[in-house]
Amino acid sequence: MIRRSYVPVKRENMRGGDGTVTINNWVDENEKCPNLRLAANLVLPKGASIGVHGHAHETEIFHVLSGEAEYLDNGKPETVGPGAVLVCADGEEHGIKNIGNGDLVLNAVIIKA
């Protein structure tokens, strides 16, 4: 399969966060492998966030492509930028907020345990 375009999904106040997050899913529900819950590119405009939430029986990985963010790793804030790889393992919680002047762009993958 070769995918050349996305069908963007807009999520308001994602996980209790602020603003609108655009989700560009790499695969749809019919194409996913059994242990893959999400594989997508996310765009958070200035000031937008994904609220703090936990992961049970799965791991989420963010790879920051551009922008600047405050990442909450189990309640501990950390400023991150391009190239950062952020892992939220089974039983942990995280959230992310765009604190830069432009879009925060990241790739996200959620793998079920």
N, C-alpha and C. Protein backbone atom coordinates (compact mmCIF):
# COMPACT_ATOMS: atom_id res chain seq x y z
N MET A 1 0.85 -1.17 0.00
CA MET A 1 0.00 0.00 0.00
C MET A 1 0.89 1.24 0.00
N ILE A 2 0.53 2.21 -0.78
CA ILE A 2 1.20 3.50 -0.78
C ILE A 2 0.15 4.56 -0.50
N ARG A 3 0.40 5.37 0.51
CA ARG A 3 -0.52 6.46 0.86
C ARG A 3 0.13 7.76 0.44
N ARG A 4 -0.58 8.55 -0.33
CA ARG A 4 -0.04 9.82 -0.81
C ARG A 4 -0.73 11.03 -0.19
N SER A 5 -1.78 10.80 0.57
CA SER A 5 -2.47 11.93 1.20
C SER A 5 -3.18 11.46 2.46
N TYR A 6 -3.55 12.43 3.27
CA TYR A 6 -4.26 12.17 4.52
C TYR A 6 -5.67 12.73 4.44
N VAL A 7 -6.54 12.20 5.26
CA VAL A 7 -7.83 12.83 5.49
C VAL A 7 -7.74 13.41 6.90
N PRO A 8 -7.53 14.73 7.01
CA PRO A 8 -7.35 15.33 8.33
C PRO A 8 -8.59 15.22 9.19
N VAL A 9 -8.37 14.94 10.47
CA VAL A 9 -9.44 14.91 11.46
C VAL A 9 -9.13 16.02 12.46
N LYS A 10 -10.10 16.88 12.73
CA LYS A 10 -9.93 17.97 13.68
C LYS A 10 -10.53 17.54 15.02
N ARG A 11 -9.75 17.67 16.10
CA ARG A 11 -10.23 17.32 17.44
C ARG A 11 -10.16 18.56 18.33
N GLU A 12 -11.31 19.00 18.79
CA GLU A 12 -11.39 20.13 19.72
C GLU A 12 -11.11 19.64 21.13
N ASN A 13 -10.34 20.41 21.87
CA ASN A 13 -10.07 20.12 23.28
C ASN A 13 -9.68 18.66 23.51
N MET A 14 -8.71 18.20 22.74
CA MET A 14 -8.29 16.80 22.79
C MET A 14 -7.80 16.42 24.18
N ARG A 15 -8.39 15.39 24.73
CA ARG A 15 -8.05 14.88 26.07
C ARG A 15 -8.13 15.99 27.13
N GLY A 16 -9.05 16.94 26.93
CA GLY A 16 -9.22 18.03 27.88
C GLY A 16 -8.27 19.19 27.67
N GLY A 17 -7.54 19.17 26.56
CA GLY A 17 -6.59 20.23 26.25
C GLY A 17 -7.27 21.44 25.63
N ASP A 18 -6.46 22.40 25.21
CA ASP A 18 -6.95 23.64 24.63
C ASP A 18 -6.85 23.60 23.11
N GLY A 19 -7.76 24.29 22.45
CA GLY A 19 -7.68 24.49 21.00
C GLY A 19 -8.01 23.26 20.19
N THR A 20 -7.55 23.30 18.94
CA THR A 20 -7.85 22.25 17.97
C THR A 20 -6.57 21.55 17.52
N VAL A 21 -6.58 20.24 17.55
CA VAL A 21 -5.47 19.42 17.07
C VAL A 21 -5.90 18.78 15.76
N THR A 22 -5.04 18.87 14.75
CA THR A 22 -5.31 18.20 13.48
C THR A 22 -4.55 16.88 13.48
N ILE A 23 -5.29 15.79 13.22
CA ILE A 23 -4.72 14.45 13.18
C ILE A 23 -4.74 13.96 11.74
N ASN A 24 -3.56 13.66 11.22
CA ASN A 24 -3.42 13.11 9.88
C ASN A 24 -3.06 11.63 10.03
N ASN A 25 -4.07 10.78 10.02
CA ASN A 25 -3.85 9.34 10.22
C ASN A 25 -3.11 8.74 9.03
N TRP A 26 -2.09 7.95 9.33
CA TRP A 26 -1.33 7.29 8.27
C TRP A 26 -2.08 6.10 7.71
N VAL A 27 -2.86 5.44 8.54
CA VAL A 27 -3.65 4.28 8.13
C VAL A 27 -5.04 4.42 8.74
N ASP A 28 -6.04 3.81 8.10
CA ASP A 28 -7.38 3.86 8.68
C ASP A 28 -7.65 2.57 9.45
N GLU A 29 -8.81 2.50 10.06
CA GLU A 29 -9.16 1.37 10.93
C GLU A 29 -9.02 0.01 10.23
N ASN A 30 -9.34 -0.05 8.94
CA ASN A 30 -9.28 -1.31 8.21
C ASN A 30 -7.86 -1.72 7.84
N GLU A 31 -6.92 -0.78 7.90
CA GLU A 31 -5.55 -1.07 7.49
C GLU A 31 -4.60 -1.33 8.65
N LYS A 32 -5.02 -1.05 9.85
CA LYS A 32 -4.13 -1.16 11.01
C LYS A 32 -3.79 -2.61 11.32
N CYS A 33 -2.59 -2.80 11.81
CA CYS A 33 -2.22 -4.11 12.30
C CYS A 33 -2.82 -4.26 13.71
N PRO A 34 -2.96 -5.47 14.21
CA PRO A 34 -3.69 -5.71 15.45
C PRO A 34 -3.18 -4.94 16.69
N ASN A 35 -1.88 -4.70 16.81
CA ASN A 35 -1.35 -4.03 17.99
C ASN A 35 -1.14 -2.53 17.81
N LEU A 36 -1.57 -1.99 16.69
CA LEU A 36 -1.40 -0.57 16.41
C LEU A 36 -2.72 0.16 16.63
N ARG A 37 -2.73 1.06 17.64
CA ARG A 37 -3.94 1.85 17.89
C ARG A 37 -3.92 3.16 17.15
N LEU A 38 -2.73 3.74 16.95
CA LEU A 38 -2.62 5.02 16.26
C LEU A 38 -1.27 5.13 15.58
N ALA A 39 -1.27 5.65 14.37
CA ALA A 39 -0.05 6.04 13.65
C ALA A 39 -0.45 7.28 12.87
N ALA A 40 0.07 8.44 13.29
CA ALA A 40 -0.43 9.69 12.71
C ALA A 40 0.58 10.82 12.85
N ASN A 41 0.35 11.84 12.07
CA ASN A 41 1.04 13.11 12.18
C ASN A 41 0.06 14.07 12.86
N LEU A 42 0.52 14.78 13.89
CA LEU A 42 -0.34 15.71 14.63
C LEU A 42 0.17 17.12 14.46
N VAL A 43 -0.76 18.06 14.31
CA VAL A 43 -0.42 19.47 14.21
C VAL A 43 -1.21 20.23 15.27
N LEU A 44 -0.45 20.90 16.17
CA LEU A 44 -1.05 21.71 17.22
C LEU A 44 -0.68 23.17 16.95
N PRO A 45 -1.66 24.03 16.66
CA PRO A 45 -1.33 25.44 16.45
C PRO A 45 -0.89 26.10 17.75
N LYS A 46 -0.38 27.30 17.64
CA LYS A 46 0.09 28.06 18.80
C LYS A 46 -0.95 28.02 19.92
N GLY A 47 -0.51 27.63 21.12
CA GLY A 47 -1.37 27.60 22.30
C GLY A 47 -2.21 26.35 22.47
N ALA A 48 -2.28 25.50 21.46
CA ALA A 48 -3.09 24.28 21.56
C ALA A 48 -2.36 23.22 22.39
N SER A 49 -3.14 22.30 22.95
CA SER A 49 -2.55 21.25 23.78
C SER A 49 -3.37 19.98 23.71
N ILE A 50 -2.72 18.89 24.13
CA ILE A 50 -3.38 17.62 24.39
C ILE A 50 -3.30 17.46 25.90
N GLY A 51 -4.45 17.37 26.55
CA GLY A 51 -4.49 17.33 28.00
C GLY A 51 -3.81 16.10 28.59
N VAL A 52 -3.49 16.19 29.85
CA VAL A 52 -2.83 15.09 30.56
C VAL A 52 -3.77 13.88 30.58
N HIS A 53 -3.22 12.74 30.20
CA HIS A 53 -3.98 11.50 30.18
C HIS A 53 -3.02 10.32 30.35
N GLY A 54 -3.55 9.21 30.79
CA GLY A 54 -2.74 8.02 31.02
C GLY A 54 -2.88 7.00 29.90
N HIS A 55 -1.96 6.05 29.92
CA HIS A 55 -1.99 4.95 28.96
C HIS A 55 -1.94 3.64 29.74
N ALA A 56 -2.93 2.79 29.50
CA ALA A 56 -3.00 1.47 30.14
C ALA A 56 -2.90 0.41 29.05
N HIS A 57 -2.00 -0.50 29.21
CA HIS A 57 -1.80 -1.62 28.28
C HIS A 57 -1.41 -1.15 26.89
N GLU A 58 -0.68 -0.03 26.84
CA GLU A 58 -0.18 0.49 25.57
C GLU A 58 0.93 1.50 25.83
N THR A 59 1.69 1.79 24.79
CA THR A 59 2.77 2.78 24.86
C THR A 59 2.58 3.77 23.73
N GLU A 60 2.76 5.06 24.04
CA GLU A 60 2.68 6.10 23.00
C GLU A 60 4.05 6.73 22.83
N ILE A 61 4.43 6.94 21.58
CA ILE A 61 5.69 7.57 21.24
C ILE A 61 5.40 8.80 20.39
N PHE A 62 5.94 9.95 20.81
CA PHE A 62 5.89 11.18 20.02
C PHE A 62 7.29 11.43 19.48
N HIS A 63 7.37 11.89 18.24
CA HIS A 63 8.62 12.38 17.67
C HIS A 63 8.35 13.80 17.19
N VAL A 64 8.99 14.78 17.81
CA VAL A 64 8.75 16.19 17.48
C VAL A 64 9.50 16.54 16.21
N LEU A 65 8.75 17.03 15.21
CA LEU A 65 9.34 17.41 13.93
C LEU A 65 9.66 18.90 13.87
N SER A 66 8.77 19.73 14.41
CA SER A 66 9.00 21.18 14.42
C SER A 66 8.18 21.83 15.51
N GLY A 67 8.65 22.99 15.95
CA GLY A 67 7.97 23.73 16.99
C GLY A 67 8.61 23.52 18.35
N GLU A 68 8.00 24.15 19.34
CA GLU A 68 8.48 24.07 20.73
C GLU A 68 7.30 23.70 21.62
N ALA A 69 7.54 22.80 22.55
CA ALA A 69 6.45 22.31 23.39
C ALA A 69 6.87 22.17 24.84
N GLU A 70 5.87 22.26 25.71
CA GLU A 70 6.05 21.83 27.10
C GLU A 70 5.42 20.45 27.18
N TYR A 71 6.24 19.48 27.51
CA TYR A 71 5.80 18.09 27.64
C TYR A 71 5.72 17.76 29.12
N LEU A 72 4.57 17.24 29.55
CA LEU A 72 4.41 16.81 30.94
C LEU A 72 4.59 15.30 30.98
N ASP A 73 5.67 14.88 31.60
CA ASP A 73 6.03 13.47 31.72
C ASP A 73 5.77 13.04 33.15
N ASN A 74 4.61 12.42 33.39
CA ASN A 74 4.22 12.02 34.74
C ASN A 74 4.28 13.20 35.70
N GLY A 75 3.77 14.36 35.24
CA GLY A 75 3.69 15.55 36.07
C GLY A 75 4.92 16.44 36.04
N LYS A 76 6.00 15.97 35.43
CA LYS A 76 7.24 16.75 35.37
C LYS A 76 7.31 17.48 34.03
N PRO A 77 7.33 18.84 34.05
CA PRO A 77 7.39 19.59 32.79
C PRO A 77 8.80 19.62 32.21
N GLU A 78 8.86 19.57 30.90
CA GLU A 78 10.13 19.62 30.19
C GLU A 78 9.88 20.34 28.86
N THR A 79 10.73 21.30 28.51
CA THR A 79 10.64 21.97 27.22
C THR A 79 11.37 21.13 26.18
N VAL A 80 10.68 20.87 25.06
CA VAL A 80 11.25 20.03 24.01
C VAL A 80 11.08 20.70 22.65
N GLY A 81 11.90 20.28 21.69
CA GLY A 81 11.83 20.81 20.33
C GLY A 81 12.13 19.74 19.31
N PRO A 82 12.42 20.15 18.08
CA PRO A 82 12.64 19.20 16.99
C PRO A 82 13.69 18.15 17.33
N GLY A 83 13.35 16.91 16.99
CA GLY A 83 14.24 15.78 17.24
C GLY A 83 13.94 15.04 18.52
N ALA A 84 13.20 15.65 19.43
CA ALA A 84 12.90 14.97 20.71
C ALA A 84 12.00 13.76 20.46
N VAL A 85 12.31 12.67 21.14
CA VAL A 85 11.48 11.47 21.13
C VAL A 85 10.94 11.30 22.54
N LEU A 86 9.62 11.26 22.66
CA LEU A 86 8.95 11.23 23.95
C LEU A 86 8.17 9.93 24.08
N VAL A 87 8.44 9.16 25.12
CA VAL A 87 7.82 7.86 25.29
C VAL A 87 6.98 7.85 26.56
N CYS A 88 5.71 7.51 26.41
CA CYS A 88 4.81 7.34 27.55
C CYS A 88 4.45 5.85 27.61
N ALA A 89 5.04 5.15 28.57
CA ALA A 89 4.87 3.70 28.67
C ALA A 89 3.58 3.32 29.40
N ASP A 90 3.28 2.05 29.35
CA ASP A 90 2.13 1.46 30.04
C ASP A 90 2.11 1.91 31.50
N GLY A 91 0.98 2.47 31.93
CA GLY A 91 0.82 2.90 33.32
C GLY A 91 1.29 4.31 33.61
N GLU A 92 1.83 5.00 32.62
CA GLU A 92 2.30 6.37 32.82
C GLU A 92 1.28 7.36 32.25
N GLU A 93 1.54 8.67 32.49
CA GLU A 93 0.67 9.70 31.92
C GLU A 93 1.49 10.84 31.37
N HIS A 94 0.88 11.54 30.41
CA HIS A 94 1.58 12.65 29.77
C HIS A 94 0.58 13.63 29.18
N GLY A 95 1.09 14.78 28.77
CA GLY A 95 0.34 15.80 28.05
C GLY A 95 1.35 16.67 27.34
N ILE A 96 0.89 17.45 26.36
CA ILE A 96 1.81 18.29 25.60
C ILE A 96 1.10 19.58 25.19
N LYS A 97 1.84 20.70 25.22
CA LYS A 97 1.29 22.00 24.85
C LYS A 97 2.27 22.73 23.94
N ASN A 98 1.73 23.34 22.89
CA ASN A 98 2.54 24.15 22.00
C ASN A 98 2.82 25.48 22.68
N ILE A 99 4.09 25.74 22.97
CA ILE A 99 4.48 27.01 23.61
C ILE A 99 5.27 27.89 22.65
N GLY A 100 5.38 27.47 21.40
CA GLY A 100 6.12 28.25 20.41
C GLY A 100 5.22 29.23 19.68
N ASN A 101 5.80 29.92 18.72
CA ASN A 101 5.07 30.92 17.95
C ASN A 101 4.42 30.36 16.69
N GLY A 102 4.84 29.16 16.25
CA GLY A 102 4.26 28.53 15.07
C GLY A 102 3.62 27.21 15.45
N ASP A 103 3.33 26.40 14.45
CA ASP A 103 2.73 25.09 14.70
C ASP A 103 3.73 24.15 15.38
N LEU A 104 3.19 23.29 16.24
CA LEU A 104 3.93 22.16 16.78
C LEU A 104 3.52 20.96 15.94
N VAL A 105 4.50 20.32 15.30
CA VAL A 105 4.22 19.19 14.42
C VAL A 105 4.96 17.98 14.97
N LEU A 106 4.24 16.89 15.16
CA LEU A 106 4.87 15.68 15.68
C LEU A 106 4.22 14.45 15.09
N ASN A 107 4.97 13.37 15.10
CA ASN A 107 4.43 12.07 14.73
C ASN A 107 4.10 11.33 16.01
N ALA A 108 3.01 10.57 15.98
CA ALA A 108 2.57 9.82 17.15
C ALA A 108 2.23 8.39 16.77
N VAL A 109 2.70 7.46 17.59
CA VAL A 109 2.39 6.04 17.39
C VAL A 109 1.97 5.49 18.75
N ILE A 110 0.84 4.78 18.77
CA ILE A 110 0.39 4.08 19.98
C ILE A 110 0.36 2.58 19.67
N ILE A 111 1.12 1.84 20.48
CA ILE A 111 1.22 0.39 20.33
C ILE A 111 0.57 -0.27 21.53
N LYS A 112 -0.40 -1.15 21.26
CA LYS A 112 -1.06 -1.87 22.35
C LYS A 112 -0.18 -3.00 22.85
N ALA A 113 -0.21 -3.23 24.15
CA ALA A 113 0.59 -4.30 24.75
C ALA A 113 -0.03 -5.64 24.49
